[in-house]
Amino acid sequence: MYLEIVSPEATLFSGEVTSVTVPGVNGEFEMLTNHAPIVSILKEGHVKVAGDVQLEEEVEAKFTKSDKGVWLAINSGTLEMKDNKLIILAD
């Protein structure tokens, strides 16, 4: 699926990923390819991205890398998933 993470300052990431886990207001949930369409509000926590994630140098410091992918700390945000395209607007 295609993921785009946008902050007020810049686009932090855009590219193909395997899965994304987000901190929803009713608990953490994961989205995989062919997930049903969804719009959700996000709370403070971490966006966890799995797959072959290539980060641009200027935003690399905002992410934490692990053997399972990358994490991005957010204060809040919203997301929309439709037709295997996930857009996260993060603060």
Protein backbone atom coordinates (compact mmCIF):
# COMPACT_ATOMS: atom_id res chain seq x y z
CA MET A 1 0.00 0.00 0.00
CA TYR A 2 1.07 3.59 -0.49
CA LEU A 3 1.67 5.74 2.60
CA GLU A 4 2.04 9.49 2.83
CA ILE A 5 2.83 11.18 6.17
CA VAL A 6 2.37 14.95 6.13
CA SER A 7 3.17 17.42 8.93
CA PRO A 8 2.48 21.17 8.97
CA GLU A 9 6.14 21.72 8.01
CA ALA A 10 6.67 19.16 5.23
CA THR A 11 5.90 15.77 3.75
CA LEU A 12 7.81 13.42 6.06
CA PHE A 13 7.42 10.22 4.06
CA SER A 14 5.81 8.91 0.91
CA GLY A 15 6.24 5.43 -0.51
CA GLU A 16 5.16 1.81 -0.54
CA VAL A 17 4.96 0.03 2.84
CA THR A 18 3.87 -3.35 4.22
CA SER A 19 1.82 -2.22 7.24
CA VAL A 20 1.11 0.83 9.39
CA THR A 21 0.11 0.85 13.06
CA VAL A 22 -1.38 4.04 14.50
CA PRO A 23 -2.56 5.32 17.91
CA GLY A 24 -6.31 5.73 17.37
CA VAL A 25 -8.47 7.48 19.97
CA ASN A 26 -10.06 4.10 20.83
CA GLY A 27 -6.78 2.20 20.83
CA GLU A 28 -3.93 1.23 18.57
CA PHE A 29 -4.80 -0.43 15.25
CA GLU A 30 -2.96 -1.74 12.21
CA MET A 31 -3.70 -1.37 8.51
CA LEU A 32 -2.50 -3.76 5.81
CA THR A 33 -2.98 -3.85 2.05
CA ASN A 34 -6.68 -3.93 1.02
CA HIS A 35 -7.84 -2.53 4.37
CA ALA A 36 -11.41 -1.25 4.33
CA PRO A 37 -11.79 2.51 3.77
CA ILE A 38 -11.45 4.40 7.05
CA VAL A 39 -11.13 7.92 8.44
CA SER A 40 -9.85 8.22 12.00
CA ILE A 41 -8.58 10.73 14.54
CA LEU A 42 -5.19 9.93 16.07
CA LYS A 43 -3.98 10.65 19.59
CA GLU A 44 -0.49 11.05 21.01
CA GLY A 45 1.70 8.04 20.36
CA HIS A 46 3.76 6.42 17.62
CA VAL A 47 3.05 5.71 13.98
CA LYS A 48 4.82 2.42 13.24
CA VAL A 49 5.69 1.73 9.62
CA ALA A 50 6.84 -1.70 8.41
CA GLY A 51 8.43 -2.37 5.05
CA ASP A 52 11.39 -1.13 3.06
CA VAL A 53 11.25 2.47 4.29
CA GLN A 54 13.71 4.89 2.70
CA LEU A 55 13.78 8.24 4.53
CA GLU A 56 15.03 11.55 3.19
CA GLU A 57 18.05 12.96 5.07
CA GLU A 58 16.26 16.13 6.17
CA VAL A 59 13.49 14.18 8.01
CA GLU A 60 15.47 11.14 9.17
CA ALA A 61 16.01 12.62 12.67
CA LYS A 62 12.24 12.70 13.31
CA PHE A 63 12.00 8.90 13.01
CA THR A 64 13.27 6.08 15.22
CA LYS A 65 14.54 3.02 13.36
CA SER A 66 14.14 -0.55 14.60
CA ASP A 67 14.55 -3.99 13.06
CA LYS A 68 10.77 -4.04 12.46
CA GLY A 69 10.59 -0.70 10.60
CA VAL A 70 10.46 2.94 11.63
CA TRP A 71 8.48 4.85 14.27
CA LEU A 72 7.33 8.46 14.24
CA ALA A 73 6.19 10.15 17.47
CA ILE A 74 3.06 12.29 17.00
CA ASN A 75 0.97 14.49 19.29
CA SER A 76 -2.24 14.09 17.29
CA GLY A 77 -3.48 13.75 13.75
CA THR A 78 -5.98 12.31 11.32
CA LEU A 79 -5.80 9.60 8.70
CA GLU A 80 -7.67 8.46 5.64
CA MET A 81 -7.28 5.03 4.03
CA LYS A 82 -8.90 4.41 0.66
CA ASP A 83 -7.97 2.22 -2.32
CA ASN A 84 -4.64 1.14 -0.75
CA LYS A 85 -3.55 4.75 -0.23
CA LEU A 86 -3.09 5.92 3.37
CA ILE A 87 -2.63 9.59 4.15
CA ILE A 88 -1.67 10.63 7.69
CA LEU A 89 -1.82 14.30 8.69
CA ALA A 90 0.32 14.42 11.82
CA ASP A 91 1.15 17.11 14.40
